[in-house]
């Protein structure tokens, strides 16, 4: 026999609960296949659950829309920071600056490598180090580095920092709304289970096929196992054939006589 499958997505949970509520538009509330107190609880619950899902989807959509701008600002900040360090190293290689100047920027005196910028926070951190180091070095009489200038490093670092803070806020919003939906989801599962149990109990004395039909009107989903429906159809056909055979054979005998 087919088995019922409880909903496993928010959309499916809402459909199941709304299907049960929609019956009240055609049936007297006190004639429903489940208790009126459960009806009231579902009616109160559904709008809040729906609102939580909508808020989560909106937060996720806003985060997604901003991600393209975020990634572009991240790319440019990385580019200007790494290029500035490369130019700094070139000036040292050419002998225009001494290796000790690297220490102004938080770099090791002997290091010729660009620091890792894989983590987004590190991009902001190194951008700020370069800005502070260049200001301090030039204040002590050093010539500014150009192509790129520290002004361009500052602009792109600040642009990215602003995008980073914004994205963090959006991520926090999305996470908060996601947790809220999860709280409602737990209650939704309890309501659906209670609902379906009551409905099936109401129609338990009906023949299986009629029972499933009536329960389906209340949103209960039944799933056939692989090959089960075909086997049932074969059994029904075999029963029909067995009912026809005696009639057919007696008719044939009568015709022969």
C-alpha atoms as a PDB file:
ATOM      1  CA  UNK A   1       0.000   0.000   0.000  1.00  0.00           C
ATOM      2  CA  UNK A   2       1.139   3.577  -0.571  1.00  0.00           C
ATOM      3  CA  UNK A   3       2.598   5.485   2.333  1.00  0.00           C
ATOM      4  CA  UNK A   4       2.063   9.100   3.256  1.00  0.00           C
ATOM      5  CA  UNK A   5       4.999  11.461   2.835  1.00  0.00           C
ATOM      6  CA  UNK A   6       5.279  14.366   5.235  1.00  0.00           C
ATOM      7  CA  UNK A   7       6.335  17.669   3.620  1.00  0.00           C
ATOM      8  CA  UNK A   8      10.070  18.403   3.704  1.00  0.00           C
ATOM      9  CA  UNK A   9      10.171  21.958   2.313  1.00  0.00           C
ATOM     10  CA  UNK A  10       8.660  25.204   3.577  1.00  0.00           C
ATOM     11  CA  UNK A  11       6.515  25.511   0.456  1.00  0.00           C
ATOM     12  CA  UNK A  12       5.197  21.960   0.920  1.00  0.00           C
ATOM     13  CA  UNK A  13       4.457  22.575   4.590  1.00  0.00           C
ATOM     14  CA  UNK A  14       2.482  25.699   3.746  1.00  0.00           C
ATOM     15  CA  UNK A  15       0.545  23.865   1.012  1.00  0.00           C
ATOM     16  CA  UNK A  16      -0.380  21.107   3.432  1.00  0.00           C
ATOM     17  CA  UNK A  17      -1.607  23.531   6.088  1.00  0.00           C
ATOM     18  CA  UNK A  18      -3.438  25.761   3.599  1.00  0.00           C
ATOM     19  CA  UNK A  19      -5.114  22.743   1.992  1.00  0.00           C
ATOM     20  CA  UNK A  20      -6.577  21.814   5.357  1.00  0.00           C
ATOM     21  CA  UNK A  21      -7.755  25.402   5.927  1.00  0.00           C
ATOM     22  CA  UNK A  22      -9.290  25.697   2.466  1.00  0.00           C
ATOM     23  CA  UNK A  23     -11.698  22.830   3.239  1.00  0.00           C
ATOM     24  CA  UNK A  24     -13.472  25.160   5.665  1.00  0.00           C
ATOM     25  CA  UNK A  25     -14.614  27.223   2.668  1.00  0.00           C
ATOM     26  CA  UNK A  26     -16.763  24.243   1.554  1.00  0.00           C
ATOM     27  CA  UNK A  27     -17.423  22.447   4.828  1.00  0.00           C
ATOM     28  CA  UNK A  28     -18.778  23.704   8.118  1.00  0.00           C
ATOM     29  CA  UNK A  29     -15.846  24.205  10.476  1.00  0.00           C
ATOM     30  CA  UNK A  30     -17.409  21.868  13.015  1.00  0.00           C
ATOM     31  CA  UNK A  31     -17.808  19.154  10.354  1.00  0.00           C
ATOM     32  CA  UNK A  32     -14.126  19.108   9.453  1.00  0.00           C
ATOM     33  CA  UNK A  33     -12.190  15.838   9.652  1.00  0.00           C
ATOM     34  CA  UNK A  34      -9.998  17.364  12.351  1.00  0.00           C
ATOM     35  CA  UNK A  35     -10.738  19.263  15.555  1.00  0.00           C
ATOM     36  CA  UNK A  36     -11.846  22.868  15.563  1.00  0.00           C
ATOM     37  CA  UNK A  37      -9.172  23.744  18.140  1.00  0.00           C
ATOM     38  CA  UNK A  38      -6.516  22.466  15.703  1.00  0.00           C
ATOM     39  CA  UNK A  39      -8.152  24.513  12.943  1.00  0.00           C
ATOM     40  CA  UNK A  40      -7.798  27.658  15.056  1.00  0.00           C
ATOM     41  CA  UNK A  41      -4.144  26.935  15.793  1.00  0.00           C
ATOM     42  CA  UNK A  42      -3.350  26.394  12.115  1.00  0.00           C
ATOM     43  CA  UNK A  43      -5.289  29.511  11.094  1.00  0.00           C
ATOM     44  CA  UNK A  44      -3.279  31.596  13.582  1.00  0.00           C
ATOM     45  CA  UNK A  45       0.042  29.977  12.693  1.00  0.00           C
ATOM     46  CA  UNK A  46       0.022  30.132   8.876  1.00  0.00           C
ATOM     47  CA  UNK A  47       0.243  33.956   8.407  1.00  0.00           C
ATOM     48  CA  UNK A  48       3.235  34.190  10.785  1.00  0.00           C
ATOM     49  CA  UNK A  49       4.996  31.277   9.101  1.00  0.00           C
ATOM     50  CA  UNK A  50       4.335  32.790   5.681  1.00  0.00           C
ATOM     51  CA  UNK A  51       5.687  36.183   6.775  1.00  0.00           C
ATOM     52  CA  UNK A  52       8.861  34.601   8.178  1.00  0.00           C
ATOM     53  CA  UNK A  53       9.482  32.796   4.878  1.00  0.00           C
ATOM     54  CA  UNK A  54       8.878  35.991   2.897  1.00  0.00           C
ATOM     55  CA  UNK A  55      11.286  37.976   5.096  1.00  0.00           C
ATOM     56  CA  UNK A  56      13.961  35.308   4.675  1.00  0.00           C
ATOM     57  CA  UNK A  57      13.577  35.247   0.896  1.00  0.00           C
ATOM     58  CA  UNK A  58      13.786  39.047   0.694  1.00  0.00           C
ATOM     59  CA  UNK A  59      16.931  39.121   2.866  1.00  0.00           C
ATOM     60  CA  UNK A  60      18.524  36.398   0.748  1.00  0.00           C
ATOM     61  CA  UNK A  61      17.601  38.253  -2.442  1.00  0.00           C
ATOM     62  CA  UNK A  62      19.146  41.510  -1.176  1.00  0.00           C
ATOM     63  CA  UNK A  63      22.323  39.676  -0.198  1.00  0.00           C
ATOM     64  CA  UNK A  64      22.511  38.058  -3.625  1.00  0.00           C
ATOM     65  CA  UNK A  65      21.976  41.353  -5.466  1.00  0.00           C
ATOM     66  CA  UNK A  66      24.762  43.035  -3.527  1.00  0.00           C
ATOM     67  CA  UNK A  67      27.220  40.167  -3.991  1.00  0.00           C
ATOM     68  CA  UNK A  68      28.164  41.217  -7.541  1.00  0.00           C
ATOM     69  CA  UNK A  69      29.089  44.728  -6.397  1.00  0.00           C
ATOM     70  CA  UNK A  70      30.876  43.239  -3.379  1.00  0.00           C
ATOM     71  CA  UNK A  71      33.002  40.910  -5.503  1.00  0.00           C
ATOM     72  CA  UNK A  72      33.966  43.703  -7.886  1.00  0.00           C
ATOM     73  CA  UNK A  73      35.090  45.983  -5.048  1.00  0.00           C
ATOM     74  CA  UNK A  74      36.997  43.086  -3.495  1.00  0.00           C
ATOM     75  CA  UNK A  75      38.750  42.416  -6.805  1.00  0.00           C
ATOM     76  CA  UNK A  76      39.814  46.055  -7.210  1.00  0.00           C
ATOM     77  CA  UNK A  77      40.990  46.392  -3.601  1.00  0.00           C
ATOM     78  CA  UNK A  78      43.147  43.269  -3.968  1.00  0.00           C
ATOM     79  CA  UNK A  79      44.517  44.558  -7.266  1.00  0.00           C
ATOM     80  CA  UNK A  80      45.616  47.958  -5.915  1.00  0.00           C
ATOM     81  CA  UNK A  81      47.038  46.529  -2.690  1.00  0.00           C
ATOM     82  CA  UNK A  82      49.094  43.839  -4.440  1.00  0.00           C
ATOM     83  CA  UNK A  83      50.274  46.287  -7.145  1.00  0.00           C
ATOM     84  CA  UNK A  84      51.354  48.825  -4.541  1.00  0.00           C
ATOM     85  CA  UNK A  85      53.455  46.186  -2.768  1.00  0.00           C
ATOM     86  CA  UNK A  86      54.933  45.038  -6.086  1.00  0.00           C
ATOM     87  CA  UNK A  87      55.918  48.616  -6.980  1.00  0.00           C
ATOM     88  CA  UNK A  88      57.406  49.042  -3.504  1.00  0.00           C
ATOM     89  CA  UNK A  89      59.523  45.924  -4.047  1.00  0.00           C
ATOM     90  CA  UNK A  90      60.614  47.140  -7.501  1.00  0.00           C
ATOM     91  CA  UNK A  91      61.835  50.435  -6.068  1.00  0.00           C
ATOM     92  CA  UNK A  92      63.847  48.504  -3.484  1.00  0.00           C
ATOM     93  CA  UNK A  93      65.292  46.204  -6.172  1.00  0.00           C
ATOM     94  CA  UNK A  94      66.297  49.278  -8.204  1.00  0.00           C
ATOM     95  CA  UNK A  95      67.999  50.723  -5.139  1.00  0.00           C
ATOM     96  CA  UNK A  96      65.684  53.732  -4.913  1.00  0.00           C
ATOM     97  CA  UNK A  97      64.541  52.673  -1.433  1.00  0.00           C
ATOM     98  CA  UNK A  98      66.199  50.617   1.278  1.00  0.00           C
ATOM     99  CA  UNK A  99      64.726  47.221   2.304  1.00  0.00           C
ATOM    100  CA  UNK A 100      64.082  48.644   5.785  1.00  0.00           C
ATOM    101  CA  UNK A 101      61.170  50.742   4.426  1.00  0.00           C
ATOM    102  CA  UNK A 102      59.078  47.568   4.190  1.00  0.00           C
ATOM    103  CA  UNK A 103      58.719  47.713   7.958  1.00  0.00           C
ATOM    104  CA  UNK A 104      56.681  50.916   7.662  1.00  0.00           C
ATOM    105  CA  UNK A 105      53.970  48.813   5.991  1.00  0.00           C
ATOM    106  CA  UNK A 106      54.042  45.894   8.405  1.00  0.00           C
ATOM    107  CA  UNK A 107      56.175  43.796   6.045  1.00  0.00           C
ATOM    108  CA  UNK A 108      59.353  41.951   6.969  1.00  0.00           C
ATOM    109  CA  UNK A 109      62.511  43.737   5.859  1.00  0.00           C
ATOM    110  CA  UNK A 110      63.672  40.746   3.787  1.00  0.00           C
ATOM    111  CA  UNK A 111      60.270  39.731   2.443  1.00  0.00           C
ATOM    112  CA  UNK A 112      59.708  40.149  -1.289  1.00  0.00           C
ATOM    113  CA  UNK A 113      56.390  38.299  -1.417  1.00  0.00           C
ATOM    114  CA  UNK A 114      52.910  39.805  -1.472  1.00  0.00           C
ATOM    115  CA  UNK A 115      51.052  38.800   1.715  1.00  0.00           C
ATOM    116  CA  UNK A 116      48.068  36.467   1.402  1.00  0.00           C
ATOM    117  CA  UNK A 117      44.835  38.264   0.491  1.00  0.00           C
ATOM    118  CA  UNK A 118      42.639  35.142   0.402  1.00  0.00           C
ATOM    119  CA  UNK A 119      40.589  36.208   3.409  1.00  0.00           C
ATOM    120  CA  UNK A 120      38.444  39.296   2.893  1.00  0.00           C
ATOM    121  CA  UNK A 121      39.349  40.705   6.311  1.00  0.00           C
ATOM    122  CA  UNK A 122      43.033  40.511   5.358  1.00  0.00           C
ATOM    123  CA  UNK A 123      42.375  42.733   2.333  1.00  0.00           C
ATOM    124  CA  UNK A 124      41.076  45.492   4.618  1.00  0.00           C
ATOM    125  CA  UNK A 125      43.856  44.872   7.130  1.00  0.00           C
ATOM    126  CA  UNK A 126      46.645  45.167   4.538  1.00  0.00           C
ATOM    127  CA  UNK A 127      45.023  48.119   2.840  1.00  0.00           C
ATOM    128  CA  UNK A 128      45.009  50.008   6.122  1.00  0.00           C
ATOM    129  CA  UNK A 129      48.607  48.994   6.851  1.00  0.00           C
ATOM    130  CA  UNK A 130      49.766  50.356   3.486  1.00  0.00           C
ATOM    131  CA  UNK A 131      47.892  53.624   3.972  1.00  0.00           C
ATOM    132  CA  UNK A 132      49.313  54.138   7.458  1.00  0.00           C
ATOM    133  CA  UNK A 133      52.827  53.090   6.396  1.00  0.00           C
ATOM    134  CA  UNK A 134      52.945  55.374   3.350  1.00  0.00           C
ATOM    135  CA  UNK A 135      51.735  58.337   5.424  1.00  0.00           C
ATOM    136  CA  UNK A 136      54.386  57.684   8.059  1.00  0.00           C
ATOM    137  CA  UNK A 137      57.194  57.174   5.528  1.00  0.00           C
ATOM    138  CA  UNK A 138      56.397  60.317   3.507  1.00  0.00           C
ATOM    139  CA  UNK A 139      55.989  62.333   6.738  1.00  0.00           C
ATOM    140  CA  UNK A 140      59.605  61.448   7.500  1.00  0.00           C
ATOM    141  CA  UNK A 141      60.707  62.856   4.150  1.00  0.00           C
ATOM    142  CA  UNK A 142      60.330  59.876   1.821  1.00  0.00           C
ATOM    143  CA  UNK A 143      59.083  60.348  -1.736  1.00  0.00           C
ATOM    144  CA  UNK A 144      55.541  59.050  -2.451  1.00  0.00           C
ATOM    145  CA  UNK A 145      55.095  55.851  -4.432  1.00  0.00           C
ATOM    146  CA  UNK A 146      53.062  56.161  -7.624  1.00  0.00           C
ATOM    147  CA  UNK A 147      51.376  53.796 -10.089  1.00  0.00           C
ATOM    148  CA  UNK A 148      49.380  53.131  -8.046  1.00  0.00           C
ATOM    149  CA  UNK A 149      49.409  56.015  -5.596  1.00  0.00           C
ATOM    150  CA  UNK A 150      48.385  55.463  -2.003  1.00  0.00           C
ATOM    151  CA  UNK A 151      45.323  57.638  -2.726  1.00  0.00           C
ATOM    152  CA  UNK A 152      44.007  54.952  -5.113  1.00  0.00           C
ATOM    153  CA  UNK A 153      44.792  52.251  -2.565  1.00  0.00           C
ATOM    154  CA  UNK A 154      42.841  54.224   0.055  1.00  0.00           C
ATOM    155  CA  UNK A 155      39.798  54.780  -2.174  1.00  0.00           C
ATOM    156  CA  UNK A 156      39.528  51.116  -3.146  1.00  0.00           C
ATOM    157  CA  UNK A 157      40.207  49.861   0.374  1.00  0.00           C
ATOM    158  CA  UNK A 158      37.516  52.146   1.798  1.00  0.00           C
ATOM    159  CA  UNK A 159      35.066  51.194  -0.944  1.00  0.00           C
ATOM    160  CA  UNK A 160      35.589  47.547  -0.179  1.00  0.00           C
ATOM    161  CA  UNK A 161      35.390  48.091   3.589  1.00  0.00           C
ATOM    162  CA  UNK A 162      32.007  49.769   3.099  1.00  0.00           C
ATOM    163  CA  UNK A 163      30.821  46.865   0.928  1.00  0.00           C
ATOM    164  CA  UNK A 164      32.208  44.395   3.484  1.00  0.00           C
ATOM    165  CA  UNK A 165      30.285  46.001   6.347  1.00  0.00           C
ATOM    166  CA  UNK A 166      27.116  46.139   4.243  1.00  0.00           C
ATOM    167  CA  UNK A 167      27.453  42.490   3.194  1.00  0.00           C
ATOM    168  CA  UNK A 168      28.060  41.473   6.794  1.00  0.00           C
ATOM    169  CA  UNK A 169      24.836  43.221   7.822  1.00  0.00           C
ATOM    170  CA  UNK A 170      22.929  41.496   5.025  1.00  0.00           C
ATOM    171  CA  UNK A 171      24.395  38.124   6.000  1.00  0.00           C
ATOM    172  CA  UNK A 172      23.388  38.675   9.632  1.00  0.00           C
ATOM    173  CA  UNK A 173      19.853  39.593   8.517  1.00  0.00           C
ATOM    174  CA  UNK A 174      19.623  36.499   6.330  1.00  0.00           C
ATOM    175  CA  UNK A 175      20.904  34.302   9.152  1.00  0.00           C
ATOM    176  CA  UNK A 176      18.471  35.826  11.652  1.00  0.00           C
ATOM    177  CA  UNK A 177      15.473  35.332   9.349  1.00  0.00           C
ATOM    178  CA  UNK A 178      16.663  31.814   8.508  1.00  0.00           C
ATOM    179  CA  UNK A 179      16.708  30.907  12.203  1.00  0.00           C
ATOM    180  CA  UNK A 180      13.227  32.378  12.592  1.00  0.00           C
ATOM    181  CA  UNK A 181      11.928  30.226   9.738  1.00  0.00           C
ATOM    182  CA  UNK A 182      13.599  27.190  11.342  1.00  0.00           C
ATOM    183  CA  UNK A 183      11.681  27.877  14.571  1.00  0.00           C
ATOM    184  CA  UNK A 184       8.392  28.073  12.679  1.00  0.00           C
ATOM    185  CA  UNK A 185       9.339  24.997  10.640  1.00  0.00           C
ATOM    186  CA  UNK A 186       9.513  22.883  13.782  1.00  0.00           C
ATOM    187  CA  UNK A 187       6.001  23.971  14.782  1.00  0.00           C
ATOM    188  CA  UNK A 188       4.755  23.453  11.223  1.00  0.00           C
ATOM    189  CA  UNK A 189       5.949  19.838  11.269  1.00  0.00           C
ATOM    190  CA  UNK A 190       4.130  19.226  14.553  1.00  0.00           C
ATOM    191  CA  UNK A 191       0.914  20.769  13.220  1.00  0.00           C
ATOM    192  CA  UNK A 192       1.033  18.799   9.955  1.00  0.00           C
ATOM    193  CA  UNK A 193       1.660  15.535  11.797  1.00  0.00           C
ATOM    194  CA  UNK A 194      -1.189  16.174  14.242  1.00  0.00           C
ATOM    195  CA  UNK A 195      -3.465  17.245  11.394  1.00  0.00           C
ATOM    196  CA  UNK A 196      -2.788  14.227   9.210  1.00  0.00           C
ATOM    197  CA  UNK A 197      -3.166  11.826  12.135  1.00  0.00           C
ATOM    198  CA  UNK A 198      -6.580  13.268  12.998  1.00  0.00           C
ATOM    199  CA  UNK A 199      -7.777  13.215   9.384  1.00  0.00           C
ATOM    200  CA  UNK A 200      -6.681   9.616   8.807  1.00  0.00           C
ATOM    201  CA  UNK A 201      -8.309   8.567  12.071  1.00  0.00           C
ATOM    202  CA  UNK A 202     -11.556  10.204  10.916  1.00  0.00           C
ATOM    203  CA  UNK A 203     -11.668   8.109   7.750  1.00  0.00           C
ATOM    204  CA  UNK A 204     -10.074   4.921   9.105  1.00  0.00           C
ATOM    205  CA  UNK A 205     -13.236   2.838   8.644  1.00  0.00           C
ATOM    206  CA  UNK A 206     -13.537   3.652   4.937  1.00  0.00           C
ATOM    207  CA  UNK A 207     -12.163   1.333   2.233  1.00  0.00           C
ATOM    208  CA  UNK A 208      -8.510   2.107   1.498  1.00  0.00           C
ATOM    209  CA  UNK A 209      -9.075   3.779  -1.862  1.00  0.00           C
ATOM    210  CA  UNK A 210     -11.892   6.005  -0.619  1.00  0.00           C
ATOM    211  CA  UNK A 211      -9.957   6.776   2.561  1.00  0.00           C
ATOM    212  CA  UNK A 212      -6.944   7.975   0.551  1.00  0.00           C
ATOM    213  CA  UNK A 213      -9.183  10.050  -1.704  1.00  0.00           C
ATOM    214  CA  UNK A 214     -10.855  11.801   1.217  1.00  0.00           C
ATOM    215  CA  UNK A 215      -7.569  12.313   3.080  1.00  0.00           C
ATOM    216  CA  UNK A 216      -5.969  13.765  -0.069  1.00  0.00           C
ATOM    217  CA  UNK A 217      -8.597  16.514  -0.034  1.00  0.00           C
ATOM    218  CA  UNK A 218      -7.041  17.635   3.252  1.00  0.00           C
ATOM    219  CA  UNK A 219      -3.575  17.836   1.701  1.00  0.00           C
ATOM    220  CA  UNK A 220      -2.234  14.418   2.717  1.00  0.00           C
ATOM    221  CA  UNK A 221       0.280  13.147   0.157  1.00  0.00           C
ATOM    222  CA  UNK A 222       0.444   9.434  -0.596  1.00  0.00           C
ATOM    223  CA  UNK A 223       3.375   7.883  -2.419  1.00  0.00           C
ATOM    224  CA  UNK A 224       3.330   4.555  -4.180  1.00  0.00           C
ATOM    225  CA  UNK A 225       6.368   2.348  -3.819  1.00  0.00           C
ATOM    226  CA  UNK A 226       8.104   1.273  -7.007  1.00  0.00           C
ATOM    227  CA  UNK A 227       5.979  -1.239  -8.913  1.00  0.00           C
ATOM    228  CA  UNK A 228       3.269  -1.233  -6.232  1.00  0.00           C
ATOM    229  CA  UNK A 229       0.604   0.500  -8.323  1.00  0.00           C
ATOM    230  CA  UNK A 230       1.231  -1.829 -11.267  1.00  0.00           C
ATOM    231  CA  UNK A 231       0.869  -4.898  -9.020  1.00  0.00           C
ATOM    232  CA  UNK A 232      -2.380  -3.548  -7.591  1.00  0.00           C
ATOM    233  CA  UNK A 233      -3.745  -2.938 -11.098  1.00  0.00           C
ATOM    234  CA  UNK A 234      -2.825  -6.490 -12.078  1.00  0.00           C
ATOM    235  CA  UNK A 235      -4.608  -7.901  -9.021  1.00  0.00           C
ATOM    236  CA  UNK A 236      -7.738  -5.869  -9.748  1.00  0.00           C
ATOM    237  CA  UNK A 237      -7.719  -7.016 -13.362  1.00  0.00           C
ATOM    238  CA  UNK A 238      -7.296 -10.635 -12.272  1.00  0.00           C
ATOM    239  CA  UNK A 239     -10.294 -10.264  -9.926  1.00  0.00           C
ATOM    240  CA  UNK A 240     -12.410  -8.756 -12.701  1.00  0.00           C
ATOM    241  CA  UNK A 241     -11.447 -11.568 -15.066  1.00  0.00           C
ATOM    242  CA  UNK A 242     -12.335 -14.177 -12.466  1.00  0.00           C
ATOM    243  CA  UNK A 243     -15.807 -12.616 -12.078  1.00  0.00           C
ATOM    244  CA  UNK A 244     -16.395 -12.638 -15.831  1.00  0.00           C
ATOM    245  CA  UNK A 245     -15.254 -16.223 -16.514  1.00  0.00           C
ATOM    246  CA  UNK A 246     -18.274 -18.171 -15.080  1.00  0.00           C
ATOM    247  CA  UNK A 247     -20.712 -15.952 -16.947  1.00  0.00           C
ATOM    248  CA  UNK A 248     -18.775 -16.238 -20.158  1.00  0.00           C
ATOM    249  CA  UNK A 249     -18.430 -20.027 -19.994  1.00  0.00           C
ATOM    250  CA  UNK A 250     -22.175 -20.579 -19.266  1.00  0.00           C
ATOM    251  CA  UNK A 251     -23.099 -18.340 -22.163  1.00  0.00           C
ATOM    252  CA  UNK A 252     -20.793 -20.257 -24.470  1.00  0.00           C
ATOM    253  CA  UNK A 253     -22.321 -23.587 -23.318  1.00  0.00           C
ATOM    254  CA  UNK A 254     -25.854 -22.305 -23.866  1.00  0.00           C
ATOM    255  CA  UNK A 255     -24.925 -21.103 -27.355  1.00  0.00           C
ATOM    256  CA  UNK A 256     -23.458 -24.508 -28.263  1.00  0.00           C
ATOM    257  CA  UNK A 257     -26.647 -26.323 -27.125  1.00  0.00           C
END
